[in-house]
Amino acid sequence: MRKKQSKMKKTRCPFLDENCLKENCELYNKVLDRCELSLLNYNLFQLMTVMRHQIEIESN
């Protein structure tokens, strides 16, 4: 069973404060018809891990 497409013609991106790019955005999930914020969380966690490791290397 497919999810209905959103009735909103233009949604706003919470990050860019512009119209949603939908398929041109890496965070947009077309199955859910919304941003996939868990991807953002995962990417931020990866960035934090790399930065922490880099700080440890520089401090030694």
N, C-alpha and C. Protein backbone atom coordinates (compact mmCIF):
# COMPACT_ATOMS: atom_id res chain seq x y z
N MET A 1 0.84 -1.17 0.00
CA MET A 1 0.00 0.00 0.00
C MET A 1 0.89 1.24 0.00
N ARG A 2 0.65 2.14 -0.91
CA ARG A 2 1.46 3.34 -1.02
C ARG A 2 0.87 4.47 -0.21
N LYS A 3 1.77 5.28 0.30
CA LYS A 3 1.36 6.45 1.06
C LYS A 3 0.90 7.53 0.09
N LYS A 4 -0.15 8.24 0.45
CA LYS A 4 -0.64 9.33 -0.38
C LYS A 4 0.40 10.43 -0.43
N GLN A 5 0.51 11.06 -1.57
CA GLN A 5 1.38 12.21 -1.67
C GLN A 5 0.80 13.35 -0.86
N SER A 6 1.69 14.17 -0.35
CA SER A 6 1.26 15.28 0.48
C SER A 6 0.37 16.24 -0.31
N LYS A 7 -0.67 16.76 0.35
CA LYS A 7 -1.57 17.71 -0.30
C LYS A 7 -0.94 19.09 -0.40
N MET A 8 0.09 19.32 0.38
CA MET A 8 0.76 20.61 0.32
C MET A 8 1.54 20.70 -0.98
N LYS A 9 1.31 21.75 -1.73
CA LYS A 9 2.02 21.89 -3.00
C LYS A 9 3.46 22.30 -2.78
N LYS A 10 3.68 23.23 -1.87
CA LYS A 10 5.04 23.68 -1.59
C LYS A 10 5.27 23.61 -0.08
N THR A 11 6.23 22.81 0.29
CA THR A 11 6.61 22.75 1.70
C THR A 11 7.91 23.52 1.89
N ARG A 12 8.17 23.90 3.11
CA ARG A 12 9.37 24.67 3.42
C ARG A 12 10.44 23.76 4.01
N CYS A 13 11.65 23.96 3.57
CA CYS A 13 12.78 23.23 4.14
C CYS A 13 13.13 23.85 5.48
N PRO A 14 13.20 23.06 6.54
CA PRO A 14 13.51 23.62 7.86
C PRO A 14 14.97 24.05 7.99
N PHE A 15 15.83 23.60 7.09
CA PHE A 15 17.25 23.92 7.17
C PHE A 15 17.62 25.12 6.32
N LEU A 16 16.99 25.25 5.17
CA LEU A 16 17.33 26.32 4.24
C LEU A 16 16.35 27.47 4.26
N ASP A 17 15.19 27.26 4.85
CA ASP A 17 14.10 28.24 4.86
C ASP A 17 13.73 28.66 3.44
N GLU A 18 13.67 27.67 2.57
CA GLU A 18 13.26 27.85 1.18
C GLU A 18 12.28 26.74 0.84
N ASN A 19 11.77 26.75 -0.37
CA ASN A 19 10.89 25.67 -0.81
C ASN A 19 11.65 24.35 -0.81
N CYS A 20 10.93 23.31 -0.46
CA CYS A 20 11.52 21.97 -0.41
C CYS A 20 12.01 21.55 -1.80
N LEU A 21 13.20 20.95 -1.85
CA LEU A 21 13.77 20.49 -3.12
C LEU A 21 13.31 19.09 -3.49
N LYS A 22 12.73 18.42 -2.55
CA LYS A 22 12.26 17.03 -2.70
C LYS A 22 13.34 16.12 -3.26
N GLU A 23 13.21 15.61 -4.46
CA GLU A 23 14.14 14.61 -5.00
C GLU A 23 15.56 15.13 -5.16
N ASN A 24 15.74 16.43 -5.18
CA ASN A 24 17.08 16.99 -5.32
C ASN A 24 17.78 17.15 -3.98
N CYS A 25 17.15 16.73 -2.93
CA CYS A 25 17.71 16.86 -1.59
C CYS A 25 18.10 15.48 -1.08
N GLU A 26 19.25 15.42 -0.42
CA GLU A 26 19.73 14.14 0.10
C GLU A 26 18.98 13.69 1.35
N LEU A 27 18.29 14.60 2.01
CA LEU A 27 17.56 14.24 3.23
C LEU A 27 16.10 13.89 2.97
N TYR A 28 15.61 14.14 1.76
CA TYR A 28 14.21 13.89 1.45
C TYR A 28 13.97 12.40 1.21
N ASN A 29 12.96 11.87 1.86
CA ASN A 29 12.58 10.47 1.68
C ASN A 29 11.24 10.44 0.94
N LYS A 30 11.25 9.97 -0.30
CA LYS A 30 10.02 10.02 -1.09
C LYS A 30 8.97 9.02 -0.61
N VAL A 31 9.38 7.97 0.07
CA VAL A 31 8.41 7.02 0.62
C VAL A 31 7.61 7.68 1.75
N LEU A 32 8.32 8.41 2.60
CA LEU A 32 7.66 9.09 3.72
C LEU A 32 7.11 10.46 3.33
N ASP A 33 7.56 10.98 2.20
CA ASP A 33 7.18 12.31 1.72
C ASP A 33 7.53 13.40 2.73
N ARG A 34 8.75 13.29 3.26
CA ARG A 34 9.24 14.29 4.21
C ARG A 34 10.75 14.11 4.37
N CYS A 35 11.35 15.00 5.12
CA CYS A 35 12.78 14.90 5.41
C CYS A 35 13.05 13.69 6.30
N GLU A 36 14.16 13.06 6.05
CA GLU A 36 14.58 11.93 6.86
C GLU A 36 15.62 12.43 7.86
N LEU A 37 15.15 12.88 9.00
CA LEU A 37 16.04 13.51 9.98
C LEU A 37 17.00 12.53 10.63
N SER A 38 16.69 11.27 10.60
CA SER A 38 17.62 10.29 11.17
C SER A 38 18.93 10.27 10.39
N LEU A 39 18.89 10.57 9.09
CA LEU A 39 20.12 10.67 8.31
C LEU A 39 20.98 11.82 8.80
N LEU A 40 20.35 12.89 9.13
CA LEU A 40 21.08 14.04 9.65
C LEU A 40 21.73 13.68 10.98
N ASN A 41 21.01 13.01 11.85
CA ASN A 41 21.56 12.57 13.13
C ASN A 41 22.76 11.66 12.94
N TYR A 42 22.64 10.72 12.03
CA TYR A 42 23.73 9.78 11.76
C TYR A 42 24.95 10.52 11.23
N ASN A 43 24.74 11.44 10.29
CA ASN A 43 25.86 12.19 9.72
C ASN A 43 26.53 13.07 10.76
N LEU A 44 25.76 13.68 11.63
CA LEU A 44 26.34 14.50 12.69
C LEU A 44 27.13 13.64 13.68
N PHE A 45 26.64 12.46 13.96
CA PHE A 45 27.37 11.55 14.84
C PHE A 45 28.70 11.16 14.21
N GLN A 46 28.68 10.84 12.92
CA GLN A 46 29.93 10.49 12.23
C GLN A 46 30.91 11.66 12.23
N LEU A 47 30.42 12.84 11.99
CA LEU A 47 31.26 14.03 12.00
C LEU A 47 31.86 14.24 13.39
N MET A 48 31.06 14.11 14.42
CA MET A 48 31.54 14.28 15.79
C MET A 48 32.64 13.27 16.11
N THR A 49 32.46 12.04 15.68
CA THR A 49 33.44 10.99 15.94
C THR A 49 34.77 11.30 15.26
N VAL A 50 34.71 11.72 14.01
CA VAL A 50 35.93 12.05 13.28
C VAL A 50 36.61 13.27 13.89
N MET A 51 35.84 14.27 14.25
CA MET A 51 36.42 15.47 14.85
C MET A 51 37.07 15.16 16.20
N ARG A 52 36.43 14.35 16.99
CA ARG A 52 36.99 13.96 18.29
C ARG A 52 38.31 13.22 18.10
N HIS A 53 38.32 12.32 17.14
CA HIS A 53 39.54 11.57 16.84
C HIS A 53 40.64 12.52 16.36
N GLN A 54 40.30 13.46 15.54
CA GLN A 54 41.28 14.43 15.03
C GLN A 54 41.85 15.29 16.16
N ILE A 55 41.02 15.69 17.08
CA ILE A 55 41.47 16.49 18.23
C ILE A 55 42.44 15.67 19.08
N GLU A 56 42.14 14.40 19.28
CA GLU A 56 43.02 13.54 20.06
C GLU A 56 44.38 13.39 19.39
N ILE A 57 44.40 13.26 18.07
CA ILE A 57 45.65 13.13 17.32
C ILE A 57 46.47 14.42 17.45
N GLU A 58 45.83 15.56 17.33
CA GLU A 58 46.53 16.83 17.39
C GLU A 58 47.06 17.15 18.78
N SER A 59 46.37 16.68 19.80
CA SER A 59 46.80 16.97 21.16
C SER A 59 47.96 16.08 21.61
N ASN A 60 48.21 14.99 20.92
CA ASN A 60 49.31 14.08 21.29
C ASN A 60 50.56 14.45 20.61
